[in-house]
Amino acid sequence: MRVVLAEDLFLLRDGLVRLLEAYGCEILAAVETGPELSRALATLEPDVAVVDVRLPPSHTDEGLQCALAARAARPGLPVLVLSQHVEQLYARELLADGRGGVGYLLKDRVFDADQFIDAVRRVAAGGTAMDPQVISQLLSRYSPDRPLDALTPREREVLELMAQGRSNGAIAERMVVTERAVAKHTSNIFTKLGLEVSDDDNRRVLAVLAYLDKD
């Protein structure tokens, strides 16, 4: 994989470069500011961009906005965003264009090398990788009169794993059930939420997230 990395903390940036290279990635650029990130994404053609949400000079959401602008210029550009805390607004913005190749992880996940690299690869392949804490917050903010309340506890568990970007096979392994059982739960979820069933894992996850996160 060819990677553009943006992180303003030197030690973390250096550590991420070493980690990604250890797993066979080619680092096209490792930058620390928003303008540098914009230039790198405009001139290079990475397979995936790994981007800290907050970058100089604004230290607000500059990294995210640079990534969104790059995705607008190059639709579908895979972007994995790293954040110190759960920010639901950032997750909504990242998912808003309805395309795949997006991820949102808390920086704590970086310390689990296998989990982090799996997320990078999944996003680079056009999939979705959402931090479990982000999904939990999205699922917990709805009142009882929402359609989500119609889901059984088992269906909510499947939905949460779906939203993280897991395939039916991975969900079945995690829940110790058959893929057929997962497919049945998935069908029930879409029916109860009024969403069209799709065999496209990425599109179904984005659809569910968009539905859950709408006002």
Protein backbone atom coordinates (compact mmCIF):
# COMPACT_ATOMS: atom_id res chain seq x y z
CA MET A 1 0.00 0.00 0.00
CA ARG A 2 1.12 3.53 -0.78
CA VAL A 3 0.35 5.79 2.19
CA VAL A 4 0.22 9.51 2.91
CA LEU A 5 0.41 10.11 6.66
CA ALA A 6 -0.47 13.33 8.51
CA GLU A 7 0.28 13.63 12.24
CA ASP A 8 1.70 16.68 14.01
CA LEU A 9 3.27 14.85 16.98
CA PHE A 10 6.74 13.78 15.90
CA LEU A 11 7.03 10.68 18.07
CA LEU A 12 3.63 9.35 17.02
CA ARG A 13 4.27 10.20 13.36
CA ASP A 14 7.64 8.46 13.45
CA GLY A 15 6.12 5.45 15.20
CA LEU A 16 3.33 5.18 12.62
CA VAL A 17 5.84 5.38 9.77
CA ARG A 18 7.87 2.55 11.28
CA LEU A 19 4.76 0.46 11.95
CA LEU A 20 3.34 0.90 8.46
CA GLU A 21 6.69 0.16 6.83
CA ALA A 22 7.05 -2.97 8.97
CA TYR A 23 3.83 -4.24 7.41
CA GLY A 24 5.01 -3.57 3.87
CA CYS A 25 3.54 -0.12 3.27
CA GLU A 26 5.31 2.54 1.22
CA ILE A 27 5.19 5.98 2.86
CA LEU A 28 4.82 8.55 0.09
CA ALA A 29 4.78 11.46 2.55
CA ALA A 30 4.68 11.94 6.32
CA VAL A 31 3.58 15.51 7.07
CA GLU A 32 2.61 17.53 10.11
CA THR A 33 0.41 20.41 8.89
CA GLY A 34 -2.80 20.89 6.97
CA PRO A 35 -1.22 22.73 4.00
CA GLU A 36 1.42 20.00 3.67
CA LEU A 37 -1.30 17.36 3.70
CA SER A 38 -3.30 19.19 1.02
CA ARG A 39 -0.25 19.40 -1.24
CA ALA A 40 0.64 15.74 -0.71
CA LEU A 41 -2.88 14.54 -1.49
CA ALA A 42 -3.08 16.81 -4.56
CA THR A 43 0.24 15.72 -6.07
CA LEU A 44 0.57 12.10 -4.98
CA GLU A 45 -1.79 9.21 -5.57
CA PRO A 46 -1.85 7.22 -2.33
CA ASP A 47 -3.80 4.04 -1.86
CA VAL A 48 -4.88 5.43 1.51
CA ALA A 49 -4.41 8.57 3.61
CA VAL A 50 -3.99 8.18 7.38
CA VAL A 51 -4.87 11.55 8.86
CA ASP A 52 -5.00 13.10 12.32
CA VAL A 53 -8.19 15.16 12.69
CA ARG A 54 -6.44 18.11 14.36
CA LEU A 55 -3.46 19.57 12.49
CA PRO A 56 -1.63 22.90 12.49
CA PRO A 57 -2.12 25.71 11.92
CA SER A 58 -5.69 25.74 13.27
CA HIS A 59 -5.49 22.65 15.51
CA THR A 60 -9.25 22.22 15.09
CA ASP A 61 -10.45 19.87 12.34
CA GLU A 62 -7.97 20.89 9.66
CA GLY A 63 -6.83 17.35 8.94
CA LEU A 64 -10.39 16.16 8.41
CA GLN A 65 -11.27 19.10 6.16
CA CYS A 66 -8.15 18.55 4.03
CA ALA A 67 -9.11 14.89 3.66
CA LEU A 68 -12.71 15.77 2.73
CA ALA A 69 -11.49 18.28 0.13
CA ALA A 70 -9.17 15.65 -1.34
CA ARG A 71 -12.05 13.15 -1.52
CA ALA A 72 -14.14 15.76 -3.33
CA ALA A 73 -11.34 16.23 -5.87
CA ARG A 74 -10.70 12.50 -6.12
CA PRO A 75 -13.97 10.71 -5.30
CA GLY A 76 -13.48 7.57 -3.25
CA LEU A 77 -9.97 8.44 -2.05
CA PRO A 78 -9.54 6.09 0.95
CA VAL A 79 -9.13 8.03 4.20
CA LEU A 80 -8.57 6.71 7.71
CA VAL A 81 -9.02 9.46 10.30
CA LEU A 82 -7.40 9.29 13.72
CA SER A 83 -8.80 11.21 16.67
CA GLN A 84 -8.00 11.56 20.37
CA HIS A 85 -11.68 11.54 21.35
CA VAL A 86 -14.99 10.44 19.90
CA GLU A 87 -16.45 13.29 17.84
CA GLN A 88 -19.74 12.23 16.25
CA LEU A 89 -19.76 15.28 13.97
CA TYR A 90 -16.48 14.15 12.42
CA ALA A 91 -17.89 10.67 11.80
CA ARG A 92 -20.96 12.18 10.13
CA GLU A 93 -18.86 14.42 7.87
CA LEU A 94 -16.64 11.54 6.86
CA LEU A 95 -19.61 9.35 5.92
CA ALA A 96 -21.70 12.09 4.35
CA ASP A 97 -20.76 11.49 0.70
CA GLY A 98 -22.05 7.92 0.86
CA ARG A 99 -18.89 6.44 -0.64
CA GLY A 100 -16.68 3.76 0.85
CA GLY A 101 -13.04 3.81 1.75
CA VAL A 102 -13.46 5.62 5.06
CA GLY A 103 -12.44 4.93 8.63
CA TYR A 104 -12.52 6.64 12.01
CA LEU A 105 -10.34 5.28 14.81
CA LEU A 106 -9.39 6.55 18.22
CA LYS A 107 -5.63 6.91 18.61
CA ASP A 108 -5.64 4.28 21.34
CA ARG A 109 -6.28 1.69 18.59
CA VAL A 110 -2.91 2.51 17.06
CA PHE A 111 -1.21 0.67 19.93
CA ASP A 112 -2.86 -2.55 18.77
CA ALA A 113 -0.75 -3.02 15.63
CA ASP A 114 -2.81 -5.83 14.11
CA GLN A 115 -6.09 -3.98 14.63
CA PHE A 116 -4.68 -0.75 13.22
CA ILE A 117 -3.15 -2.37 10.14
CA ASP A 118 -6.36 -4.31 9.54
CA ALA A 119 -8.27 -1.01 9.56
CA VAL A 120 -5.79 0.60 7.15
CA ARG A 121 -6.05 -2.32 4.74
CA ARG A 122 -9.84 -2.44 4.98
CA VAL A 123 -10.16 1.26 4.18
CA ALA A 124 -7.61 1.04 1.35
CA ALA A 125 -9.70 -1.75 -0.16
CA GLY A 126 -12.77 0.51 -0.20
CA GLY A 127 -14.32 -0.75 3.02
CA THR A 128 -15.27 0.90 6.29
CA ALA A 129 -13.49 0.82 9.64
CA MET A 130 -15.33 2.57 12.46
CA ASP A 131 -14.12 2.63 16.04
CA PRO A 132 -16.38 0.58 18.35
CA GLN A 133 -16.69 3.55 20.73
CA VAL A 134 -17.97 5.75 17.90
CA ILE A 135 -20.57 3.15 16.98
CA SER A 136 -21.62 2.71 20.61
CA GLN A 137 -22.24 6.43 20.95
CA LEU A 138 -24.20 6.55 17.70
CA LEU A 139 -26.35 3.66 18.87
CA SER A 140 -26.92 5.07 22.35
CA ARG A 141 -28.16 8.54 21.39
CA TYR A 142 -31.60 7.48 20.13
CA SER A 143 -34.85 7.74 22.03
CA PRO A 144 -37.24 4.79 22.45
CA ASP A 145 -39.59 6.05 19.73
CA ARG A 146 -36.95 5.55 17.07
CA PRO A 147 -37.14 2.45 14.81
CA LEU A 148 -33.87 1.28 16.36
CA ASP A 149 -35.86 0.32 19.44
CA ALA A 150 -37.57 -2.40 17.40
CA LEU A 151 -34.30 -4.34 17.15
CA THR A 152 -33.63 -7.25 19.46
CA PRO A 153 -30.43 -7.20 21.57
CA ARG A 154 -28.90 -9.75 19.19
CA GLU A 155 -29.79 -7.62 16.17
CA ARG A 156 -28.29 -4.54 17.83
CA GLU A 157 -25.08 -6.52 18.38
CA VAL A 158 -25.01 -7.52 14.72
CA LEU A 159 -25.70 -3.92 13.68
CA GLU A 160 -22.85 -2.62 15.80
CA LEU A 161 -20.43 -5.13 14.25
CA MET A 162 -21.75 -4.33 10.77
CA ALA A 163 -21.16 -0.65 11.39
CA GLN A 164 -17.55 -1.37 12.34
CA GLY A 165 -17.13 -2.72 8.80
CA ARG A 166 -17.10 -6.44 9.58
CA SER A 167 -18.23 -8.99 7.01
CA ASN A 168 -20.89 -11.60 7.74
CA GLY A 169 -18.16 -14.18 8.15
CA ALA A 170 -16.29 -12.03 10.68
CA ILE A 171 -19.51 -11.32 12.57
CA ALA A 172 -20.36 -15.02 12.68
CA GLU A 173 -16.92 -15.83 14.06
CA ARG A 174 -17.14 -13.07 16.67
CA MET A 175 -20.62 -14.08 17.83
CA VAL A 176 -19.95 -17.83 17.50
CA VAL A 177 -22.93 -18.40 15.20
CA THR A 178 -23.36 -19.47 11.57
CA GLU A 179 -23.16 -17.07 8.65
CA ARG A 180 -26.72 -18.07 7.83
CA ALA A 181 -27.83 -16.82 11.24
CA VAL A 182 -26.01 -13.53 10.67
CA ALA A 183 -27.65 -13.17 7.24
CA LYS A 184 -31.06 -13.65 8.86
CA HIS A 185 -30.32 -11.03 11.52
CA THR A 186 -29.08 -8.64 8.82
CA SER A 187 -32.26 -9.11 6.79
CA ASN A 188 -34.38 -8.43 9.88
CA ILE A 189 -32.37 -5.28 10.65
CA PHE A 190 -32.90 -3.81 7.20
CA THR A 191 -36.59 -4.68 7.28
CA LYS A 192 -37.13 -3.04 10.68
CA LEU A 193 -35.14 0.06 9.71
CA GLY A 194 -36.90 0.35 6.35
CA LEU A 195 -33.66 -0.06 4.39
CA GLU A 196 -33.28 -1.98 1.15
CA VAL A 197 -31.30 -5.19 1.55
CA SER A 198 -27.95 -5.11 -0.27
CA ASP A 199 -25.16 -7.63 -0.79
CA ASP A 200 -22.65 -4.78 -0.82
CA ASP A 201 -21.21 -4.80 2.70
CA ASN A 202 -19.80 -1.28 2.43
CA ARG A 203 -22.99 0.29 1.10
CA ARG A 204 -25.13 -1.42 3.70
CA VAL A 205 -22.90 -0.22 6.54
CA LEU A 206 -22.92 3.36 5.25
CA ALA A 207 -26.69 3.21 4.80
CA VAL A 208 -27.23 2.00 8.34
CA LEU A 209 -24.84 4.59 9.79
CA ALA A 210 -26.44 7.38 7.77
CA TYR A 211 -29.90 6.27 8.93
CA LEU A 212 -28.90 6.05 12.58
CA ASP A 213 -27.15 9.39 12.51
CA LYS A 214 -29.82 11.44 10.77
CA ASP A 215 -31.57 14.18 12.71
